[in-house]
């Protein structure tokens, strides 16, 4: 209930502040930065920051109330059923948290890989479109199309993989790095 009341009113102003701060920072960078970094890469930096924007919501509205509920529940279990039940639950919780930690690390690796592949694929698409004349003159249109299709297939494979352990079986290099016509 608290999350439903607080989150919409907190997110909108904070999102606005975040977007304005990012845009101000990007625009205040010098011409050397804008010559070295393309507009595609600059525009992709903003969505990457949203993870940090939502961390406060998780800790304030998710983790703290759950921690208070856990302490209260353990205290009540101790008084009703004794120390043995609490020890069994602590052991089970520790085992569960270790499994969740391993799963979370695997999911983070998958997420980083997914975002990297998506960004690389989007950059390839926009750069190919922006430099279409050069690609056309040097007869590289089929190569660019095949490379983009391979990148998209790899992205779809990452996106649709169900298990977090799938990350362990994926190749380290994206397929378009070795695709040749």
Protein backbone atom coordinates (compact mmCIF):
# COMPACT_ATOMS: atom_id res chain seq x y z
CA UNK A 1 0.00 0.00 0.00
CA UNK A 2 2.79 2.41 0.92
CA UNK A 3 4.56 1.69 -2.35
CA UNK A 4 1.40 2.41 -4.35
CA UNK A 5 1.00 5.78 -2.65
CA UNK A 6 4.61 6.98 -2.56
CA UNK A 7 6.20 5.64 -5.75
CA UNK A 8 4.17 7.61 -8.36
CA UNK A 9 4.62 10.91 -6.52
CA UNK A 10 8.34 10.33 -5.94
CA UNK A 11 9.27 8.91 -9.36
CA UNK A 12 7.98 11.72 -11.58
CA UNK A 13 9.96 14.64 -10.06
CA UNK A 14 13.02 12.47 -9.54
CA UNK A 15 12.91 11.25 -13.15
CA UNK A 16 12.59 14.84 -14.35
CA UNK A 17 15.57 15.89 -12.23
CA UNK A 18 17.59 12.94 -13.49
CA UNK A 19 16.87 13.68 -17.17
CA UNK A 20 17.65 17.39 -16.76
CA UNK A 21 20.90 16.66 -14.91
CA UNK A 22 22.03 14.18 -17.56
CA UNK A 23 21.16 16.53 -20.41
CA UNK A 24 22.94 19.44 -18.67
CA UNK A 25 26.04 17.32 -18.14
CA UNK A 26 26.09 16.11 -21.75
CA UNK A 27 25.61 19.60 -23.14
CA UNK A 28 28.29 21.07 -20.85
CA UNK A 29 30.96 18.68 -22.16
CA UNK A 30 33.42 20.24 -24.55
CA UNK A 31 33.72 19.87 -28.31
CA UNK A 32 36.48 17.27 -27.95
CA UNK A 33 34.03 14.90 -26.25
CA UNK A 34 31.38 15.45 -28.90
CA UNK A 35 33.93 14.83 -31.67
CA UNK A 36 35.22 11.61 -30.09
CA UNK A 37 31.87 10.16 -28.97
CA UNK A 38 29.04 9.82 -31.44
CA UNK A 39 25.50 10.98 -30.72
CA UNK A 40 24.29 7.39 -30.62
CA UNK A 41 26.63 6.45 -27.79
CA UNK A 42 25.81 9.64 -25.93
CA UNK A 43 22.07 9.05 -26.15
CA UNK A 44 22.49 5.47 -24.91
CA UNK A 45 24.23 6.63 -21.73
CA UNK A 46 20.95 7.91 -20.32
CA UNK A 47 18.97 4.63 -20.21
CA UNK A 48 21.95 2.91 -18.60
CA UNK A 49 21.57 5.21 -15.58
CA UNK A 50 18.01 4.18 -14.78
CA UNK A 51 19.23 1.23 -12.71
CA UNK A 52 20.76 3.61 -10.19
CA UNK A 53 17.65 5.76 -10.15
CA UNK A 54 15.48 2.88 -8.95
CA UNK A 55 17.87 1.60 -6.26
CA UNK A 56 16.49 4.03 -3.67
CA UNK A 57 12.99 2.66 -4.20
CA UNK A 58 14.23 -0.86 -3.59
CA UNK A 59 16.00 -0.08 -0.33
CA UNK A 60 13.46 2.29 1.19
CA UNK A 61 10.24 0.63 0.05
CA UNK A 62 11.35 -2.98 -0.31
CA UNK A 63 14.27 -4.08 1.82
CA UNK A 64 13.68 -2.13 5.05
CA UNK A 65 10.02 -3.13 5.63
CA UNK A 66 10.89 -6.74 4.82
CA UNK A 67 13.77 -6.69 7.31
CA UNK A 68 11.49 -5.34 10.05
CA UNK A 69 8.90 -8.04 9.25
CA UNK A 70 11.60 -10.74 9.38
CA UNK A 71 12.86 -9.63 12.80
CA UNK A 72 9.31 -9.51 14.16
CA UNK A 73 8.50 -12.96 12.75
CA UNK A 74 11.67 -14.55 14.17
CA UNK A 75 10.91 -13.09 17.59
CA UNK A 76 7.35 -14.46 17.49
CA UNK A 77 8.54 -17.91 16.32
CA UNK A 78 11.07 -18.07 19.13
CA UNK A 79 8.42 -17.40 21.78
CA UNK A 80 5.90 -19.84 20.28
CA UNK A 81 8.06 -22.80 19.15
CA UNK A 82 11.47 -22.37 20.77
CA UNK A 83 15.02 -21.92 19.53
CA UNK A 84 15.12 -25.07 17.39
CA UNK A 85 12.51 -23.80 14.97
CA UNK A 86 14.38 -20.51 14.68
CA UNK A 87 17.68 -22.34 14.03
CA UNK A 88 16.07 -24.49 11.34
CA UNK A 89 14.59 -21.40 9.67
CA UNK A 90 17.91 -19.53 9.87
CA UNK A 91 19.70 -22.48 8.23
CA UNK A 92 17.06 -22.72 5.48
CA UNK A 93 17.14 -18.96 4.93
CA UNK A 94 20.94 -18.94 4.70
CA UNK A 95 20.88 -21.73 2.13
CA UNK A 96 18.15 -19.94 0.18
CA UNK A 97 20.04 -16.63 0.22
CA UNK A 98 23.21 -18.31 -1.06
CA UNK A 99 21.25 -19.78 -3.95
CA UNK A 100 19.63 -16.40 -4.63
CA UNK A 101 23.05 -14.72 -4.57
CA UNK A 102 24.39 -17.11 -7.21
CA UNK A 103 21.26 -16.66 -9.27
CA UNK A 104 21.45 -12.87 -8.96
CA UNK A 105 25.09 -12.83 -10.07
CA UNK A 106 24.25 -14.96 -13.10
CA UNK A 107 21.29 -12.72 -13.93
CA UNK A 108 23.44 -9.59 -13.61
CA UNK A 109 25.98 -11.08 -16.01
CA UNK A 110 23.17 -11.93 -18.42
CA UNK A 111 21.66 -8.47 -18.09
CA UNK A 112 24.99 -6.75 -18.72
CA UNK A 113 25.57 -8.94 -21.74
CA UNK A 114 22.04 -8.32 -22.99
CA UNK A 115 22.36 -4.52 -22.67
CA UNK A 116 25.79 -4.59 -24.31
CA UNK A 117 24.55 -6.66 -27.25
CA UNK A 118 21.46 -4.46 -27.64
CA UNK A 119 23.54 -1.27 -27.57
CA UNK A 120 26.07 -2.67 -30.06
CA UNK A 121 23.28 -3.77 -32.37
CA UNK A 122 21.51 -0.40 -32.17
CA UNK A 123 24.79 1.42 -32.77
CA UNK A 124 25.49 -0.77 -35.82
CA UNK A 125 22.03 -0.05 -37.19
CA UNK A 126 22.21 3.72 -36.73
CA UNK A 127 25.79 3.97 -37.96
CA UNK A 128 24.88 1.93 -41.05
CA UNK A 129 21.93 4.19 -41.73
CA UNK A 130 23.90 7.38 -41.14
CA UNK A 131 26.76 6.21 -43.36
CA UNK A 132 24.54 4.56 -45.93
CA UNK A 133 26.17 6.31 -48.88
CA UNK A 134 29.63 5.04 -47.91
CA UNK A 135 28.28 1.54 -47.32
CA UNK A 136 26.53 1.64 -50.70
CA UNK A 137 29.55 2.95 -52.61
CA UNK A 138 31.78 0.17 -51.27
CA UNK A 139 29.11 -2.52 -51.85
CA UNK A 140 28.84 -3.35 -48.15
CA UNK A 141 25.03 -3.26 -47.89
CA UNK A 142 24.63 -7.08 -47.84
CA UNK A 143 27.43 -7.43 -45.28
CA UNK A 144 25.88 -4.81 -43.01
CA UNK A 145 22.46 -6.41 -43.36
CA UNK A 146 23.77 -9.89 -42.54
CA UNK A 147 25.79 -8.58 -39.61
CA UNK A 148 22.81 -6.71 -38.21
CA UNK A 149 20.61 -9.80 -38.63
CA UNK A 150 23.17 -11.94 -36.79
CA UNK A 151 23.33 -9.40 -33.98
CA UNK A 152 19.55 -9.28 -33.77
CA UNK A 153 19.35 -13.07 -33.65
CA UNK A 154 21.91 -13.13 -30.84
CA UNK A 155 19.96 -10.44 -28.97
CA UNK A 156 16.72 -12.42 -29.34
CA UNK A 157 18.50 -15.54 -28.09
CA UNK A 158 19.66 -13.66 -24.99
CA UNK A 159 16.25 -12.07 -24.49
CA UNK A 160 14.31 -15.32 -24.72
CA UNK A 161 16.65 -17.55 -22.70
CA UNK A 162 14.78 -18.77 -19.65
CA UNK A 163 17.43 -19.92 -17.19
CA UNK A 164 20.05 -17.64 -15.69
CA UNK A 165 22.61 -20.40 -16.22
CA UNK A 166 22.19 -20.06 -19.98
CA UNK A 167 24.79 -17.30 -19.70
CA UNK A 168 27.47 -19.92 -19.06
CA UNK A 169 26.86 -21.58 -22.43
CA UNK A 170 26.82 -18.45 -24.59
CA UNK A 171 29.84 -17.52 -26.70
CA UNK A 172 32.05 -14.70 -25.45
CA UNK A 173 32.08 -12.93 -28.80
CA UNK A 174 28.96 -11.76 -30.56
CA UNK A 175 28.35 -13.47 -33.91
CA UNK A 176 28.73 -10.31 -36.03
CA UNK A 177 32.37 -10.01 -34.89
CA UNK A 178 33.22 -12.97 -37.11
CA UNK A 179 30.50 -12.70 -39.77
CA UNK A 180 31.90 -12.22 -43.25
CA UNK A 181 30.29 -12.26 -46.66
